[in-house]
PDB file of all heavy atoms in Angstrom:
ATOM      1  N   PHE A   1     -15.140   6.749  40.417  1.00  0.00           N
ATOM      2  CA  PHE A   1     -14.809   7.324  39.089  1.00  0.00           C
ATOM      3  C   PHE A   1     -14.707   6.204  38.065  1.00  0.00           C
ATOM      4  O   PHE A   1     -15.250   6.372  36.954  1.00  0.00           O
ATOM      5  CB  PHE A   1     -13.427   8.125  39.263  1.00  0.00           C
ATOM      6  CG  PHE A   1     -13.125   8.929  38.026  1.00  0.00           C
ATOM      7  CD1 PHE A   1     -13.462  10.261  38.113  1.00  0.00           C
ATOM      8  CD2 PHE A   1     -12.517   8.451  36.898  1.00  0.00           C
ATOM      9  CE1 PHE A   1     -13.173  11.099  36.987  1.00  0.00           C
ATOM     10  CE2 PHE A   1     -12.265   9.209  35.871  1.00  0.00           C
ATOM     11  CZ  PHE A   1     -12.546  10.505  35.867  1.00  0.00           C
ATOM     12  N   GLY A   2     -14.010   5.136  38.420  1.00  0.00           N
ATOM     13  CA  GLY A   2     -13.919   4.064  37.491  1.00  0.00           C
ATOM     14  C   GLY A   2     -15.262   3.465  37.136  1.00  0.00           C
ATOM     15  O   GLY A   2     -15.474   3.161  35.953  1.00  0.00           O
ATOM     16  N   GLY A   3     -16.109   3.311  38.179  1.00  0.00           N
ATOM     17  CA  GLY A   3     -17.373   2.657  37.937  1.00  0.00           C
ATOM     18  C   GLY A   3     -18.240   3.539  37.067  1.00  0.00           C
ATOM     19  O   GLY A   3     -18.946   3.071  36.101  1.00  0.00           O
ATOM     20  N   LEU A   4     -18.231   4.858  37.256  1.00  0.00           N
ATOM     21  CA  LEU A   4     -19.093   5.789  36.439  1.00  0.00           C
ATOM     22  C   LEU A   4     -18.520   5.856  35.049  1.00  0.00           C
ATOM     23  O   LEU A   4     -19.374   5.929  34.086  1.00  0.00           O
ATOM     24  CB  LEU A   4     -19.008   7.191  37.029  1.00  0.00           C
ATOM     25  CG  LEU A   4     -19.792   7.429  38.421  1.00  0.00           C
ATOM     26  CD1 LEU A   4     -19.492   8.811  38.954  1.00  0.00           C
ATOM     27  CD2 LEU A   4     -21.283   7.294  38.157  1.00  0.00           C
ATOM     28  N   THR A   5     -17.226   5.792  34.874  1.00  0.00           N
ATOM     29  CA  THR A   5     -16.639   5.802  33.540  1.00  0.00           C
ATOM     30  C   THR A   5     -17.071   4.604  32.745  1.00  0.00           C
ATOM     31  O   THR A   5     -17.521   4.601  31.625  1.00  0.00           O
ATOM     32  CB  THR A   5     -15.134   5.819  33.585  1.00  0.00           C
ATOM     33  OG1 THR A   5     -14.729   7.052  34.235  1.00  0.00           O
ATOM     34  CG2 THR A   5     -14.481   5.844  32.218  1.00  0.00           C
ATOM     35  N   GLN A   6     -17.046   3.364  33.461  1.00  0.00           N
ATOM     36  CA  GLN A   6     -17.395   2.175  32.788  1.00  0.00           C
ATOM     37  C   GLN A   6     -18.908   2.066  32.431  1.00  0.00           C
ATOM     38  O   GLN A   6     -19.270   1.602  31.343  1.00  0.00           O
ATOM     39  CB  GLN A   6     -17.001   0.981  33.594  1.00  0.00           C
ATOM     40  CG  GLN A   6     -17.192  -0.415  32.952  1.00  0.00           C
ATOM     41  CD  GLN A   6     -16.603  -1.530  33.684  1.00  0.00           C
ATOM     42  OE1 GLN A   6     -15.711  -1.282  34.556  1.00  0.00           O
ATOM     43  NE2 GLN A   6     -17.004  -2.736  33.476  1.00  0.00           N
ATOM     44  N   ALA A   7     -19.668   2.571  33.326  1.00  0.00           N
ATOM     45  CA  ALA A   7     -21.178   2.451  33.146  1.00  0.00           C
ATOM     46  C   ALA A   7     -21.782   3.564  32.239  1.00  0.00           C
ATOM     47  O   ALA A   7     -22.740   3.302  31.467  1.00  0.00           O
ATOM     48  CB  ALA A   7     -21.832   2.534  34.601  1.00  0.00           C
ATOM     49  N   PHE A   8     -21.290   4.827  32.418  1.00  0.00           N
ATOM     50  CA  PHE A   8     -21.896   5.949  31.797  1.00  0.00           C
ATOM     51  C   PHE A   8     -20.984   6.736  30.806  1.00  0.00           C
ATOM     52  O   PHE A   8     -21.491   7.575  30.110  1.00  0.00           O
ATOM     53  CB  PHE A   8     -22.614   6.901  32.828  1.00  0.00           C
ATOM     54  CG  PHE A   8     -23.613   6.215  33.702  1.00  0.00           C
ATOM     55  CD1 PHE A   8     -23.181   5.903  35.034  1.00  0.00           C
ATOM     56  CD2 PHE A   8     -24.803   5.766  33.252  1.00  0.00           C
ATOM     57  CE1 PHE A   8     -24.114   5.288  35.895  1.00  0.00           C
ATOM     58  CE2 PHE A   8     -25.655   5.116  34.119  1.00  0.00           C
ATOM     59  CZ  PHE A   8     -25.316   4.884  35.373  1.00  0.00           C
ATOM     60  N   GLY A   9     -19.729   6.593  31.015  1.00  0.00           N
ATOM     61  CA  GLY A   9     -18.764   7.347  30.206  1.00  0.00           C
ATOM     62  C   GLY A   9     -18.019   8.356  30.962  1.00  0.00           C
ATOM     63  O   GLY A   9     -18.296   8.707  32.033  1.00  0.00           O
ATOM     64  N   SER A  10     -16.932   8.897  30.341  1.00  0.00           N
ATOM     65  CA  SER A  10     -16.082   9.810  31.046  1.00  0.00           C
ATOM     66  C   SER A  10     -16.731  11.093  31.456  1.00  0.00           C
ATOM     67  O   SER A  10     -16.386  11.732  32.491  1.00  0.00           O
ATOM     68  CB  SER A  10     -14.877  10.153  30.085  1.00  0.00           C
ATOM     69  OG  SER A  10     -14.121   9.031  29.810  1.00  0.00           O
ATOM     70  N   ALA A  11     -17.717  11.614  30.743  1.00  0.00           N
ATOM     71  CA  ALA A  11     -18.314  12.916  31.061  1.00  0.00           C
ATOM     72  C   ALA A  11     -19.035  12.799  32.407  1.00  0.00           C
ATOM     73  O   ALA A  11     -18.933  13.753  33.193  1.00  0.00           O
ATOM     74  CB  ALA A  11     -19.314  13.278  29.969  1.00  0.00           C
ATOM     75  N   TRP A  12     -19.746  11.648  32.691  1.00  0.00           N
ATOM     76  CA  TRP A  12     -20.396  11.537  33.979  1.00  0.00           C
ATOM     77  C   TRP A  12     -19.355  11.428  35.091  1.00  0.00           C
ATOM     78  O   TRP A  12     -19.551  11.999  36.171  1.00  0.00           O
ATOM     79  CB  TRP A  12     -21.283  10.243  33.939  1.00  0.00           C
ATOM     80  CG  TRP A  12     -22.517  10.463  33.254  1.00  0.00           C
ATOM     81  CD1 TRP A  12     -22.878  10.267  31.939  1.00  0.00           C
ATOM     82  CD2 TRP A  12     -23.772  10.953  33.847  1.00  0.00           C
ATOM     83  NE1 TRP A  12     -24.118  10.623  31.719  1.00  0.00           N
ATOM     84  CE2 TRP A  12     -24.724  11.034  32.879  1.00  0.00           C
ATOM     85  CE3 TRP A  12     -24.116  11.344  35.120  1.00  0.00           C
ATOM     86  CZ2 TRP A  12     -26.044  11.502  33.065  1.00  0.00           C
ATOM     87  CZ3 TRP A  12     -25.419  11.748  35.396  1.00  0.00           C
ATOM     88  CH2 TRP A  12     -26.310  11.798  34.331  1.00  0.00           C
ATOM     89  N   ALA A  13     -18.294  10.723  34.856  1.00  0.00           N
ATOM     90  CA  ALA A  13     -17.240  10.564  35.900  1.00  0.00           C
ATOM     91  C   ALA A  13     -16.635  11.871  36.243  1.00  0.00           C
ATOM     92  O   ALA A  13     -16.478  12.236  37.489  1.00  0.00           O
ATOM     93  CB  ALA A  13     -16.139   9.572  35.502  1.00  0.00           C
ATOM     94  N   PHE A  14     -16.197  12.601  35.245  1.00  0.00           N
ATOM     95  CA  PHE A  14     -15.493  13.900  35.535  1.00  0.00           C
ATOM     96  C   PHE A  14     -16.542  14.923  36.035  1.00  0.00           C
ATOM     97  O   PHE A  14     -16.202  15.752  36.840  1.00  0.00           O
ATOM     98  CB  PHE A  14     -14.907  14.431  34.170  1.00  0.00           C
ATOM     99  CG  PHE A  14     -13.617  13.839  33.800  1.00  0.00           C
ATOM    100  CD1 PHE A  14     -13.471  12.847  32.818  1.00  0.00           C
ATOM    101  CD2 PHE A  14     -12.464  14.182  34.530  1.00  0.00           C
ATOM    102  CE1 PHE A  14     -12.278  12.298  32.570  1.00  0.00           C
ATOM    103  CE2 PHE A  14     -11.234  13.665  34.172  1.00  0.00           C
ATOM    104  CZ  PHE A  14     -11.174  12.649  33.233  1.00  0.00           C
ATOM    105  N   GLY A  15     -17.812  14.804  35.624  1.00  0.00           N
ATOM    106  CA  GLY A  15     -18.836  15.697  36.167  1.00  0.00           C
ATOM    107  C   GLY A  15     -19.089  15.482  37.620  1.00  0.00           C
ATOM    108  O   GLY A  15     -19.302  16.371  38.407  1.00  0.00           O
ATOM    109  N   PHE A  16     -19.134  14.150  38.012  1.00  0.00           N
ATOM    110  CA  PHE A  16     -19.308  13.874  39.438  1.00  0.00           C
ATOM    111  C   PHE A  16     -18.175  14.437  40.280  1.00  0.00           C
ATOM    112  O   PHE A  16     -18.447  15.011  41.339  1.00  0.00           O
ATOM    113  CB  PHE A  16     -19.397  12.276  39.629  1.00  0.00           C
ATOM    114  CG  PHE A  16     -19.435  11.865  41.073  1.00  0.00           C
ATOM    115  CD1 PHE A  16     -20.557  11.994  41.851  1.00  0.00           C
ATOM    116  CD2 PHE A  16     -18.272  11.457  41.619  1.00  0.00           C
ATOM    117  CE1 PHE A  16     -20.632  11.581  43.212  1.00  0.00           C
ATOM    118  CE2 PHE A  16     -18.211  11.086  43.038  1.00  0.00           C
ATOM    119  CZ  PHE A  16     -19.407  11.108  43.730  1.00  0.00           C
ATOM    120  N   SER A  17     -16.988  14.233  39.854  1.00  0.00           N
ATOM    121  CA  SER A  17     -15.809  14.745  40.651  1.00  0.00           C
ATOM    122  C   SER A  17     -15.858  16.237  40.727  1.00  0.00           C
ATOM    123  O   SER A  17     -15.513  16.842  41.749  1.00  0.00           O
ATOM    124  CB  SER A  17     -14.525  14.247  40.013  1.00  0.00           C
ATOM    125  OG  SER A  17     -14.413  12.823  40.125  1.00  0.00           O
ATOM    126  N   ALA A  18     -16.228  16.901  39.655  1.00  0.00           N
ATOM    127  CA  ALA A  18     -16.242  18.388  39.602  1.00  0.00           C
ATOM    128  C   ALA A  18     -17.361  18.841  40.575  1.00  0.00           C
ATOM    129  O   ALA A  18     -17.246  19.873  41.266  1.00  0.00           O
ATOM    130  CB  ALA A  18     -16.592  18.908  38.204  1.00  0.00           C
ATOM    131  N   ALA A  19     -18.549  18.091  40.588  1.00  0.00           N
ATOM    132  CA  ALA A  19     -19.660  18.467  41.525  1.00  0.00           C
ATOM    133  C   ALA A  19     -19.199  18.380  42.970  1.00  0.00           C
ATOM    134  O   ALA A  19     -19.537  19.248  43.800  1.00  0.00           O
ATOM    135  CB  ALA A  19     -20.855  17.569  41.244  1.00  0.00           C
ATOM    136  N   CYS A  20     -18.422  17.269  43.285  1.00  0.00           N
ATOM    137  CA  CYS A  20     -17.938  17.170  44.623  1.00  0.00           C
ATOM    138  C   CYS A  20     -17.014  18.332  45.019  1.00  0.00           C
ATOM    139  O   CYS A  20     -17.096  18.915  46.172  1.00  0.00           O
ATOM    140  CB  CYS A  20     -17.163  15.819  44.813  1.00  0.00           C
ATOM    141  SG  CYS A  20     -18.148  14.349  44.840  1.00  0.00           S
ATOM    142  N   ALA A  21     -16.139  18.796  44.129  1.00  0.00           N
ATOM    143  CA  ALA A  21     -15.189  19.864  44.343  1.00  0.00           C
ATOM    144  C   ALA A  21     -16.011  21.205  44.507  1.00  0.00           C
ATOM    145  O   ALA A  21     -15.676  21.966  45.497  1.00  0.00           O
ATOM    146  CB  ALA A  21     -14.241  19.991  43.233  1.00  0.00           C
ATOM    147  N   VAL A  22     -17.014  21.388  43.787  1.00  0.00           N
ATOM    148  CA  VAL A  22     -17.799  22.625  43.931  1.00  0.00           C
ATOM    149  C   VAL A  22     -18.572  22.621  45.225  1.00  0.00           C
ATOM    150  O   VAL A  22     -18.659  23.590  45.946  1.00  0.00           O
ATOM    151  CB  VAL A  22     -18.743  22.712  42.732  1.00  0.00           C
ATOM    152  CG1 VAL A  22     -19.751  23.957  42.953  1.00  0.00           C
ATOM    153  CG2 VAL A  22     -17.980  23.040  41.432  1.00  0.00           C
ATOM    154  N   ALA A  23     -19.178  21.460  45.559  1.00  0.00           N
ATOM    155  CA  ALA A  23     -19.959  21.325  46.804  1.00  0.00           C
ATOM    156  C   ALA A  23     -19.028  21.518  47.992  1.00  0.00           C
ATOM    157  O   ALA A  23     -19.407  22.212  48.946  1.00  0.00           O
ATOM    158  CB  ALA A  23     -20.587  20.010  46.877  1.00  0.00           C
ATOM    159  N   ALA A  24     -17.857  21.011  47.975  1.00  0.00           N
ATOM    160  CA  ALA A  24     -16.853  21.170  49.059  1.00  0.00           C
ATOM    161  C   ALA A  24     -16.422  22.571  49.194  1.00  0.00           C
ATOM    162  O   ALA A  24     -16.272  23.080  50.342  1.00  0.00           O
ATOM    163  CB  ALA A  24     -15.699  20.236  48.849  1.00  0.00           C
ATOM    164  N   THR A  25     -16.283  23.257  48.073  1.00  0.00           N
ATOM    165  CA  THR A  25     -15.937  24.698  48.125  1.00  0.00           C
ATOM    166  C   THR A  25     -17.007  25.511  48.792  1.00  0.00           C
ATOM    167  O   THR A  25     -16.677  26.403  49.691  1.00  0.00           O
ATOM    168  CB  THR A  25     -15.706  25.197  46.676  1.00  0.00           C
ATOM    169  OG1 THR A  25     -14.685  24.445  46.040  1.00  0.00           O
ATOM    170  CG2 THR A  25     -15.229  26.701  46.649  1.00  0.00           C
ATOM    171  N   VAL A  26     -18.244  25.250  48.457  1.00  0.00           N
ATOM    172  CA  VAL A  26     -19.437  26.049  49.032  1.00  0.00           C
ATOM    173  C   VAL A  26     -19.401  25.716  50.522  1.00  0.00           C
ATOM    174  O   VAL A  26     -19.585  26.672  51.352  1.00  0.00           O
ATOM    175  CB  VAL A  26     -20.695  25.575  48.381  1.00  0.00           C
ATOM    176  CG1 VAL A  26     -21.899  26.234  49.088  1.00  0.00           C
ATOM    177  CG2 VAL A  26     -20.706  26.011  46.909  1.00  0.00           C
ATOM    178  N   LEU A  27     -19.292  24.494  50.945  1.00  0.00           N
ATOM    179  CA  LEU A  27     -19.356  24.186  52.345  1.00  0.00           C
ATOM    180  C   LEU A  27     -18.091  24.691  53.135  1.00  0.00           C
ATOM    181  O   LEU A  27     -18.266  25.124  54.206  1.00  0.00           O
ATOM    182  CB  LEU A  27     -19.344  22.667  52.567  1.00  0.00           C
ATOM    183  CG  LEU A  27     -20.612  21.923  52.198  1.00  0.00           C
ATOM    184  CD1 LEU A  27     -20.505  20.466  52.279  1.00  0.00           C
ATOM    185  CD2 LEU A  27     -21.750  22.405  53.081  1.00  0.00           C
ATOM    186  N   LEU A  28     -16.920  24.735  52.502  1.00  0.00           N
ATOM    187  CA  LEU A  28     -15.770  25.367  53.117  1.00  0.00           C
ATOM    188  C   LEU A  28     -16.009  26.832  53.381  1.00  0.00           C
ATOM    189  O   LEU A  28     -15.717  27.371  54.501  1.00  0.00           O
ATOM    190  CB  LEU A  28     -14.606  25.286  52.250  1.00  0.00           C
ATOM    191  CG  LEU A  28     -13.262  25.789  52.741  1.00  0.00           C
ATOM    192  CD1 LEU A  28     -12.812  25.076  53.941  1.00  0.00           C
ATOM    193  CD2 LEU A  28     -12.223  25.787  51.637  1.00  0.00           C
ATOM    194  N   ILE A  29     -16.577  27.564  52.442  1.00  0.00           N
ATOM    195  CA  ILE A  29     -16.933  29.017  52.649  1.00  0.00           C
ATOM    196  C   ILE A  29     -17.974  29.168  53.686  1.00  0.00           C
ATOM    197  O   ILE A  29     -17.896  30.117  54.544  1.00  0.00           O
ATOM    198  CB  ILE A  29     -17.367  29.593  51.283  1.00  0.00           C
ATOM    199  CG1 ILE A  29     -16.258  29.542  50.290  1.00  0.00           C
ATOM    200  CG2 ILE A  29     -17.871  31.062  51.538  1.00  0.00           C
ATOM    201  CD1 ILE A  29     -16.665  29.987  48.829  1.00  0.00           C
ATOM    202  N   ALA A  30     -18.999  28.320  53.702  1.00  0.00           N
ATOM    203  CA  ALA A  30     -20.217  28.563  54.524  1.00  0.00           C
ATOM    204  C   ALA A  30     -20.007  28.008  55.976  1.00  0.00           C
ATOM    205  O   ALA A  30     -20.605  28.574  56.922  1.00  0.00           O
ATOM    206  CB  ALA A  30     -21.385  27.869  53.876  1.00  0.00           C
ATOM    207  N   THR A  31     -19.249  26.948  56.143  1.00  0.00           N
ATOM    208  CA  THR A  31     -19.322  26.295  57.438  1.00  0.00           C
ATOM    209  C   THR A  31     -17.951  26.345  58.222  1.00  0.00           C
ATOM    210  O   THR A  31     -17.993  26.121  59.455  1.00  0.00           O
ATOM    211  CB  THR A  31     -19.677  24.820  57.324  1.00  0.00           C
ATOM    212  OG1 THR A  31     -18.641  24.135  56.573  1.00  0.00           O
ATOM    213  CG2 THR A  31     -20.996  24.678  56.560  1.00  0.00           C
ATOM    214  N   VAL A  32     -16.895  26.651  57.566  1.00  0.00           N
ATOM    215  CA  VAL A  32     -15.552  26.624  58.257  1.00  0.00           C
ATOM    216  C   VAL A  32     -15.075  28.065  58.397  1.00  0.00           C
ATOM    217  O   VAL A  32     -14.722  28.707  57.452  1.00  0.00           O
ATOM    218  CB  VAL A  32     -14.469  25.838  57.459  1.00  0.00           C
ATOM    219  CG1 VAL A  32     -13.162  25.820  58.194  1.00  0.00           C
ATOM    220  CG2 VAL A  32     -14.966  24.408  57.241  1.00  0.00           C
ATOM    221  N   PRO A  33     -15.089  28.573  59.656  1.00  0.00           N
ATOM    222  CA  PRO A  33     -14.694  29.996  59.853  1.00  0.00           C
ATOM    223  C   PRO A  33     -13.142  30.160  59.728  1.00  0.00           C
ATOM    224  O   PRO A  33     -12.400  29.205  59.847  1.00  0.00           O
ATOM    225  CB  PRO A  33     -15.139  30.283  61.295  1.00  0.00           C
ATOM    226  CG  PRO A  33     -15.108  28.881  61.956  1.00  0.00           C
ATOM    227  CD  PRO A  33     -15.489  27.969  60.934  1.00  0.00           C
ATOM    228  N   ARG A  34     -12.777  31.369  59.473  1.00  0.00           N
ATOM    229  CA  ARG A  34     -11.409  31.673  59.518  1.00  0.00           C
ATOM    230  C   ARG A  34     -10.829  31.464  60.861  1.00  0.00           C
ATOM    231  O   ARG A  34     -11.375  31.905  61.874  1.00  0.00           O
ATOM    232  CB  ARG A  34     -11.119  33.164  59.152  1.00  0.00           C
ATOM    233  CG  ARG A  34      -9.597  33.496  58.987  1.00  0.00           C
ATOM    234  CD  ARG A  34      -9.539  35.033  58.734  1.00  0.00           C
ATOM    235  NE  ARG A  34     -10.126  35.398  57.472  1.00  0.00           N
ATOM    236  CZ  ARG A  34      -9.428  35.407  56.301  1.00  0.00           C
ATOM    237  NH1 ARG A  34      -8.193  35.119  56.340  1.00  0.00           N
ATOM    238  NH2 ARG A  34     -10.031  35.779  55.193  1.00  0.00           N
ATOM    239  N   PRO A  35      -9.710  30.657  61.043  1.00  0.00           N
ATOM    240  CA  PRO A  35      -9.249  30.297  62.376  1.00  0.00           C
ATOM    241  C   PRO A  35      -8.696  31.508  63.130  1.00  0.00           C
ATOM    242  O   PRO A  35      -7.968  32.393  62.513  1.00  0.00           O
ATOM    243  CB  PRO A  35      -8.206  29.195  62.107  1.00  0.00           C
ATOM    244  CG  PRO A  35      -7.790  29.514  60.732  1.00  0.00           C
ATOM    245  CD  PRO A  35      -8.952  30.037  59.962  1.00  0.00           C
TER     246      PRO A  35
END
């Protein structure tokens, strides 16, 4: 996050973190069954 902020600005850093959260959400729904 700090590297992206310094190199490209806050928008890229926050966008990367948001993308990780969305991707993790999709994988949680698709790959982790209800126990």
